[in-house]
């Protein structure tokens, strides 16, 4: 029996050079198709991830900007409160210096009224 030929006559030793005639050619073609499909899916996934990454970076950057603005605003509040307190104190002192008797009389009246309200 001759071992150099196969039943179909498609052995590499028989002289047939058609690659699709080899038994593993279909399997190799399927593997190449699978590799190409995986590469296409990976490219699309990579593009989607790049877009999502860019969106995430923009969102984080925007949140950082807002947080910095809020921190700046909050850090200015104590100094603004001190300024308002200083202005009110100066205004009250000026009013008391301008009319000391009226201020004392007003304080007595307010004290009397608060005392009467506390009894209820």
Protein backbone atom coordinates (compact mmCIF):
# COMPACT_ATOMS: atom_id res chain seq x y z
CA UNK A 1 0.00 0.00 0.00
CA UNK A 2 1.36 3.44 -0.98
CA UNK A 3 1.43 5.86 1.98
CA UNK A 4 2.18 8.97 -0.06
CA UNK A 5 -1.37 9.34 -1.34
CA UNK A 6 -4.62 9.83 0.47
CA UNK A 7 -8.08 8.74 -0.46
CA UNK A 8 -8.98 12.06 -2.02
CA UNK A 9 -5.57 12.60 -3.54
CA UNK A 10 -5.13 15.95 -1.77
CA UNK A 11 -1.95 15.23 0.13
CA UNK A 12 0.96 17.64 -0.07
CA UNK A 13 3.01 14.74 -1.30
CA UNK A 14 0.67 14.08 -4.21
CA UNK A 15 1.58 17.35 -5.91
CA UNK A 16 -1.67 19.26 -5.26
CA UNK A 17 -0.75 22.89 -4.37
CA UNK A 18 -4.27 24.20 -3.71
CA UNK A 19 -4.20 25.41 -0.07
CA UNK A 20 -7.93 24.92 0.37
CA UNK A 21 -7.45 21.26 -0.38
CA UNK A 22 -5.50 20.67 2.83
CA UNK A 23 -7.60 19.35 5.70
CA UNK A 24 -6.41 22.14 8.11
CA UNK A 25 -6.98 24.97 5.61
CA UNK A 26 -10.58 25.55 6.68
CA UNK A 27 -9.58 25.55 10.31
CA UNK A 28 -6.78 28.02 9.61
CA UNK A 29 -9.14 30.26 7.65
CA UNK A 30 -11.64 30.20 10.52
CA UNK A 31 -8.88 31.07 12.95
CA UNK A 32 -7.78 34.02 10.81
CA UNK A 33 -11.37 35.23 10.56
CA UNK A 34 -11.72 34.95 14.33
CA UNK A 35 -8.50 36.91 14.82
CA UNK A 36 -9.68 39.65 12.48
CA UNK A 37 -13.03 39.84 14.27
CA UNK A 38 -11.34 40.07 17.65
CA UNK A 39 -9.04 42.80 16.33
CA UNK A 40 -12.02 44.80 15.02
CA UNK A 41 -13.87 44.46 18.32
CA UNK A 42 -10.73 45.46 20.24
CA UNK A 43 -10.28 48.54 18.03
CA UNK A 44 -13.89 49.60 18.58
CA UNK A 45 -13.62 48.96 22.31
CA UNK A 46 -10.40 50.96 22.46
CA UNK A 47 -12.03 53.89 20.67
CA UNK A 48 -15.00 53.74 23.05
CA UNK A 49 -12.71 53.63 26.05
CA UNK A 50 -10.78 56.62 24.74
CA UNK A 51 -14.03 58.58 24.42
CA UNK A 52 -15.15 57.57 27.91
CA UNK A 53 -11.75 58.41 29.34
CA UNK A 54 -11.91 61.86 27.76
CA UNK A 55 -15.39 62.41 29.16
CA UNK A 56 -14.28 61.30 32.60
CA UNK A 57 -11.28 63.62 32.50
CA UNK A 58 -13.47 66.56 31.50
CA UNK A 59 -15.96 65.77 34.28
CA UNK A 60 -13.22 65.53 36.91
CA UNK A 61 -11.65 68.74 35.65
CA UNK A 62 -15.01 70.53 35.83
CA UNK A 63 -15.67 69.22 39.34
CA UNK A 64 -12.20 70.34 40.42
CA UNK A 65 -12.83 73.83 39.07
CA UNK A 66 -16.15 74.09 40.91
CA UNK A 67 -14.59 72.79 44.13
CA UNK A 68 -11.76 75.32 43.86
CA UNK A 69 -14.22 78.17 43.32
CA UNK A 70 -16.28 77.04 46.33
CA UNK A 71 -13.14 76.80 48.47
CA UNK A 72 -12.07 80.31 47.44
CA UNK A 73 -15.53 81.67 48.24
CA UNK A 74 -15.58 79.91 51.62
CA UNK A 75 -12.09 81.10 52.51
CA UNK A 76 -13.19 84.71 51.91
CA UNK A 77 -16.23 84.46 54.22
CA UNK A 78 -14.39 84.99 57.53
CA UNK A 79 -12.68 88.13 56.30
CA UNK A 80 -15.96 89.45 54.90
CA UNK A 81 -17.71 88.74 58.22
CA UNK A 82 -14.95 90.58 60.10
CA UNK A 83 -15.35 93.54 57.76
CA UNK A 84 -19.11 93.66 58.34
CA UNK A 85 -18.62 93.34 62.10
CA UNK A 86 -16.09 96.15 62.10
CA UNK A 87 -18.44 98.42 60.11
CA UNK A 88 -21.39 97.69 62.42
CA UNK A 89 -19.26 98.26 65.52
CA UNK A 90 -17.95 101.54 64.16
CA UNK A 91 -21.48 102.63 63.23
CA UNK A 92 -22.81 101.77 66.71
CA UNK A 93 -19.91 103.59 68.38
CA UNK A 94 -20.50 106.67 66.24
CA UNK A 95 -24.22 106.64 67.09
CA UNK A 96 -23.53 106.31 70.82
CA UNK A 97 -20.98 109.16 70.72
CA UNK A 98 -23.41 111.40 68.83
CA UNK A 99 -26.36 110.85 71.24
CA UNK A 100 -25.30 109.21 74.49
CA UNK A 101 -28.46 110.06 76.50
CA UNK A 102 -30.81 108.80 73.80
CA UNK A 103 -28.81 105.57 73.59
CA UNK A 104 -29.00 104.98 77.34
CA UNK A 105 -32.74 105.78 77.38
CA UNK A 106 -33.30 103.40 74.49
CA UNK A 107 -31.36 100.68 76.29
CA UNK A 108 -33.47 101.16 79.43
CA UNK A 109 -36.71 100.92 77.42
CA UNK A 110 -35.55 97.78 75.60
CA UNK A 111 -34.48 96.23 78.92
CA UNK A 112 -37.84 97.02 80.52
CA UNK A 113 -39.76 95.52 77.58
CA UNK A 114 -37.65 92.36 77.58
CA UNK A 115 -38.21 92.02 81.32
CA UNK A 116 -41.98 92.31 80.88
CA UNK A 117 -41.96 89.73 78.07
CA UNK A 118 -39.93 87.31 80.20
CA UNK A 119 -42.68 87.25 82.87
CA UNK A 120 -45.24 85.72 80.49
